[in-house]
Amino acid sequence: MAFSTDADLMQLVPDILNLGIDFFDQEHPKAQADIEREIRNRWWEKRGISGELKPEYLTDSQWTKAAAYLVLWRLRITPAYKLGGW
């Protein structure tokens, strides 16, 4: 399950689903993958934690807002959703 959902986007931008995109189901898992990659690349080994980052170590509720903002940022800055890419 992704860190965020459309309901989380609606808490930040209440009319987000009325702006021409009916749902963001495909973007939420991509945002989660981006967050996990950033944690792994920029933080995990630098903290001296041995082994590979396991996503189950992350608590979904701690990353909900970050994931929701990432979905919104990707749509605002990079309108790739119109072209079928992330």
N, C-alpha and C. Protein backbone atom coordinates (compact mmCIF):
# COMPACT_ATOMS: atom_id res chain seq x y z
N MET A 1 0.85 -1.18 0.00
CA MET A 1 0.00 0.00 0.00
C MET A 1 0.90 1.25 0.00
N ALA A 2 0.51 2.24 -0.73
CA ALA A 2 1.28 3.48 -0.85
C ALA A 2 1.16 4.30 0.43
N PHE A 3 2.13 5.20 0.61
CA PHE A 3 2.13 6.08 1.77
C PHE A 3 0.95 7.05 1.76
N SER A 4 0.49 7.44 0.58
CA SER A 4 -0.60 8.43 0.49
C SER A 4 -1.72 7.90 -0.40
N THR A 5 -2.85 8.58 -0.31
CA THR A 5 -4.02 8.25 -1.13
C THR A 5 -4.63 9.55 -1.66
N ASP A 6 -5.63 9.42 -2.49
CA ASP A 6 -6.33 10.61 -2.99
C ASP A 6 -6.98 11.39 -1.85
N ALA A 7 -7.41 10.69 -0.81
CA ALA A 7 -8.01 11.37 0.35
C ALA A 7 -6.98 12.29 1.02
N ASP A 8 -5.72 11.87 1.04
CA ASP A 8 -4.67 12.71 1.61
C ASP A 8 -4.43 13.95 0.75
N LEU A 9 -4.52 13.78 -0.57
CA LEU A 9 -4.39 14.94 -1.46
C LEU A 9 -5.53 15.92 -1.22
N MET A 10 -6.73 15.39 -1.00
CA MET A 10 -7.90 16.24 -0.80
C MET A 10 -7.82 17.01 0.52
N GLN A 11 -7.08 16.51 1.49
CA GLN A 11 -6.87 17.27 2.73
C GLN A 11 -6.01 18.50 2.46
N LEU A 12 -5.10 18.38 1.51
CA LEU A 12 -4.21 19.49 1.17
C LEU A 12 -4.84 20.45 0.16
N VAL A 13 -5.51 19.87 -0.84
CA VAL A 13 -6.17 20.66 -1.88
C VAL A 13 -7.57 20.07 -2.05
N PRO A 14 -8.56 20.62 -1.35
CA PRO A 14 -9.89 20.02 -1.32
C PRO A 14 -10.54 19.78 -2.69
N ASP A 15 -10.27 20.60 -3.67
CA ASP A 15 -10.91 20.43 -4.98
C ASP A 15 -9.99 19.77 -6.00
N ILE A 16 -8.97 19.05 -5.56
CA ILE A 16 -7.98 18.46 -6.47
C ILE A 16 -8.62 17.52 -7.49
N LEU A 17 -9.66 16.81 -7.11
CA LEU A 17 -10.29 15.87 -8.05
C LEU A 17 -11.27 16.55 -8.99
N ASN A 18 -11.45 17.86 -8.85
CA ASN A 18 -12.34 18.62 -9.73
C ASN A 18 -11.56 19.44 -10.75
N LEU A 19 -10.26 19.20 -10.84
CA LEU A 19 -9.42 20.01 -11.73
C LEU A 19 -9.03 19.29 -13.02
N GLY A 20 -9.76 18.23 -13.36
CA GLY A 20 -9.53 17.56 -14.63
C GLY A 20 -8.90 16.19 -14.53
N ILE A 21 -8.45 15.78 -13.37
CA ILE A 21 -7.91 14.44 -13.18
C ILE A 21 -8.79 13.76 -12.14
N ASP A 22 -9.37 12.62 -12.51
CA ASP A 22 -10.34 11.96 -11.64
C ASP A 22 -9.72 11.21 -10.47
N PHE A 23 -8.51 10.71 -10.63
CA PHE A 23 -7.85 9.97 -9.56
C PHE A 23 -6.35 9.94 -9.82
N PHE A 24 -5.60 9.63 -8.77
CA PHE A 24 -4.14 9.65 -8.83
C PHE A 24 -3.57 8.30 -8.38
N ASP A 25 -4.32 7.24 -8.61
CA ASP A 25 -3.94 5.91 -8.13
C ASP A 25 -2.55 5.48 -8.58
N GLN A 26 -2.16 5.83 -9.78
CA GLN A 26 -0.86 5.39 -10.29
C GLN A 26 0.29 6.23 -9.75
N GLU A 27 0.02 7.44 -9.31
CA GLU A 27 1.08 8.33 -8.84
C GLU A 27 1.51 8.04 -7.41
N HIS A 28 0.61 7.56 -6.57
CA HIS A 28 0.94 7.32 -5.17
C HIS A 28 2.04 6.27 -4.99
N PRO A 29 1.98 5.12 -5.64
CA PRO A 29 3.08 4.15 -5.49
C PRO A 29 4.41 4.70 -6.03
N LYS A 30 4.35 5.52 -7.06
CA LYS A 30 5.58 6.12 -7.61
C LYS A 30 6.20 7.09 -6.60
N ALA A 31 5.35 7.84 -5.92
CA ALA A 31 5.85 8.75 -4.89
C ALA A 31 6.49 7.96 -3.75
N GLN A 32 5.87 6.85 -3.36
CA GLN A 32 6.44 6.02 -2.30
C GLN A 32 7.80 5.48 -2.73
N ALA A 33 7.90 5.00 -3.96
CA ALA A 33 9.17 4.47 -4.45
C ALA A 33 10.24 5.56 -4.47
N ASP A 34 9.88 6.77 -4.84
CA ASP A 34 10.83 7.89 -4.84
C ASP A 34 11.32 8.21 -3.43
N ILE A 35 10.41 8.21 -2.48
CA ILE A 35 10.78 8.50 -1.08
C ILE A 35 11.70 7.40 -0.55
N GLU A 36 11.36 6.14 -0.80
CA GLU A 36 12.21 5.05 -0.35
C GLU A 36 13.61 5.12 -0.97
N ARG A 37 13.66 5.47 -2.25
CA ARG A 37 14.95 5.60 -2.93
C ARG A 37 15.78 6.73 -2.34
N GLU A 38 15.14 7.86 -2.04
CA GLU A 38 15.85 8.99 -1.43
C GLU A 38 16.39 8.63 -0.05
N ILE A 39 15.59 7.93 0.74
CA ILE A 39 16.03 7.52 2.07
C ILE A 39 17.23 6.57 1.94
N ARG A 40 17.11 5.63 1.02
CA ARG A 40 18.19 4.66 0.83
C ARG A 40 19.47 5.34 0.33
N ASN A 41 19.37 6.22 -0.62
CA ASN A 41 20.54 6.83 -1.23
C ASN A 41 21.17 7.93 -0.40
N ARG A 42 20.37 8.72 0.27
CA ARG A 42 20.90 9.90 0.96
C ARG A 42 21.07 9.75 2.47
N TRP A 43 20.45 8.73 3.04
CA TRP A 43 20.43 8.70 4.49
C TRP A 43 20.83 7.36 5.09
N TRP A 44 20.36 6.27 4.54
CA TRP A 44 20.46 4.95 5.16
C TRP A 44 21.90 4.58 5.51
N GLU A 45 22.78 4.53 4.53
CA GLU A 45 24.16 4.13 4.80
C GLU A 45 24.94 5.20 5.55
N LYS A 46 24.62 6.44 5.33
CA LYS A 46 25.32 7.53 6.01
C LYS A 46 25.08 7.51 7.52
N ARG A 47 24.00 6.92 7.94
CA ARG A 47 23.69 6.81 9.36
C ARG A 47 24.38 5.60 9.98
N GLY A 48 25.10 4.83 9.15
CA GLY A 48 25.82 3.68 9.66
C GLY A 48 24.95 2.47 9.94
N ILE A 49 23.80 2.43 9.32
CA ILE A 49 22.90 1.29 9.52
C ILE A 49 23.31 0.21 8.54
N SER A 50 23.59 -0.98 9.06
CA SER A 50 24.05 -2.05 8.19
C SER A 50 22.87 -2.70 7.47
N GLY A 51 23.16 -3.29 6.34
CA GLY A 51 22.14 -3.98 5.57
C GLY A 51 21.36 -3.05 4.65
N GLU A 52 20.51 -3.65 3.89
CA GLU A 52 19.68 -2.93 2.92
C GLU A 52 18.44 -2.36 3.60
N LEU A 53 18.00 -1.21 3.12
CA LEU A 53 16.76 -0.62 3.63
C LEU A 53 15.60 -1.54 3.29
N LYS A 54 14.82 -1.87 4.29
CA LYS A 54 13.62 -2.68 4.07
C LYS A 54 12.43 -1.75 4.23
N PRO A 55 11.60 -1.64 3.20
CA PRO A 55 10.46 -0.72 3.28
C PRO A 55 9.56 -0.94 4.49
N GLU A 56 9.51 -2.16 5.00
CA GLU A 56 8.66 -2.41 6.17
C GLU A 56 9.19 -1.72 7.42
N TYR A 57 10.43 -1.23 7.37
CA TYR A 57 10.97 -0.44 8.48
C TYR A 57 10.31 0.94 8.57
N LEU A 58 9.74 1.39 7.46
CA LEU A 58 9.14 2.73 7.41
C LEU A 58 7.67 2.65 7.80
N THR A 59 7.23 3.58 8.61
CA THR A 59 5.84 3.64 9.03
C THR A 59 5.09 4.53 8.04
N ASP A 60 4.06 3.98 7.40
CA ASP A 60 3.31 4.71 6.38
C ASP A 60 2.86 6.08 6.85
N SER A 61 2.31 6.15 8.06
CA SER A 61 1.74 7.40 8.54
C SER A 61 2.79 8.50 8.72
N GLN A 62 4.05 8.13 8.87
CA GLN A 62 5.10 9.13 9.00
C GLN A 62 5.42 9.79 7.66
N TRP A 63 5.07 9.14 6.57
CA TRP A 63 5.44 9.63 5.24
C TRP A 63 4.24 10.06 4.40
N THR A 64 3.05 10.08 5.00
CA THR A 64 1.84 10.41 4.24
C THR A 64 1.91 11.80 3.63
N LYS A 65 2.23 12.81 4.43
CA LYS A 65 2.26 14.17 3.89
C LYS A 65 3.38 14.33 2.86
N ALA A 66 4.53 13.74 3.12
CA ALA A 66 5.63 13.84 2.17
C ALA A 66 5.23 13.24 0.82
N ALA A 67 4.57 12.09 0.85
CA ALA A 67 4.14 11.44 -0.39
C ALA A 67 3.06 12.26 -1.09
N ALA A 68 2.12 12.78 -0.33
CA ALA A 68 1.04 13.59 -0.93
C ALA A 68 1.62 14.85 -1.58
N TYR A 69 2.52 15.52 -0.89
CA TYR A 69 3.14 16.71 -1.46
C TYR A 69 3.98 16.36 -2.69
N LEU A 70 4.62 15.20 -2.68
CA LEU A 70 5.41 14.79 -3.83
C LEU A 70 4.52 14.55 -5.04
N VAL A 71 3.37 13.92 -4.85
CA VAL A 71 2.42 13.73 -5.95
C VAL A 71 1.98 15.09 -6.50
N LEU A 72 1.63 16.00 -5.62
CA LEU A 72 1.20 17.33 -6.07
C LEU A 72 2.34 18.08 -6.77
N TRP A 73 3.54 17.99 -6.24
CA TRP A 73 4.69 18.67 -6.84
C TRP A 73 4.99 18.11 -8.22
N ARG A 74 4.96 16.81 -8.37
CA ARG A 74 5.23 16.20 -9.68
C ARG A 74 4.20 16.65 -10.71
N LEU A 75 2.96 16.79 -10.29
CA LEU A 75 1.93 17.20 -11.24
C LEU A 75 2.05 18.67 -11.59
N ARG A 76 2.51 19.48 -10.68
CA ARG A 76 2.62 20.93 -10.91
C ARG A 76 3.87 21.27 -11.72
N ILE A 77 4.99 20.69 -11.34
CA ILE A 77 6.25 21.02 -11.98
C ILE A 77 6.45 20.24 -13.27
N THR A 78 6.12 18.96 -13.25
CA THR A 78 6.34 18.09 -14.40
C THR A 78 5.02 17.49 -14.83
N PRO A 79 4.34 18.08 -15.77
CA PRO A 79 3.04 17.53 -16.18
C PRO A 79 3.18 16.28 -17.04
N ALA A 80 4.04 15.36 -16.59
CA ALA A 80 4.27 14.13 -17.35
C ALA A 80 3.03 13.24 -17.39
N TYR A 81 2.13 13.41 -16.41
CA TYR A 81 0.92 12.58 -16.38
C TYR A 81 0.13 12.74 -17.67
N LYS A 82 0.22 13.91 -18.30
CA LYS A 82 -0.48 14.13 -19.56
C LYS A 82 0.13 13.33 -20.69
N LEU A 83 1.42 13.03 -20.55
CA LEU A 83 2.12 12.30 -21.60
C LEU A 83 2.23 10.81 -21.31
N GLY A 84 1.69 10.40 -20.17
CA GLY A 84 1.69 8.99 -19.82
C GLY A 84 2.94 8.54 -19.07
N GLY A 85 3.79 9.47 -18.65
CA GLY A 85 5.00 9.08 -17.93
C GLY A 85 5.06 9.76 -16.59
N TRP A 86 5.91 9.29 -15.74
CA TRP A 86 6.08 9.88 -14.40
C TRP A 86 7.17 10.89 -14.52
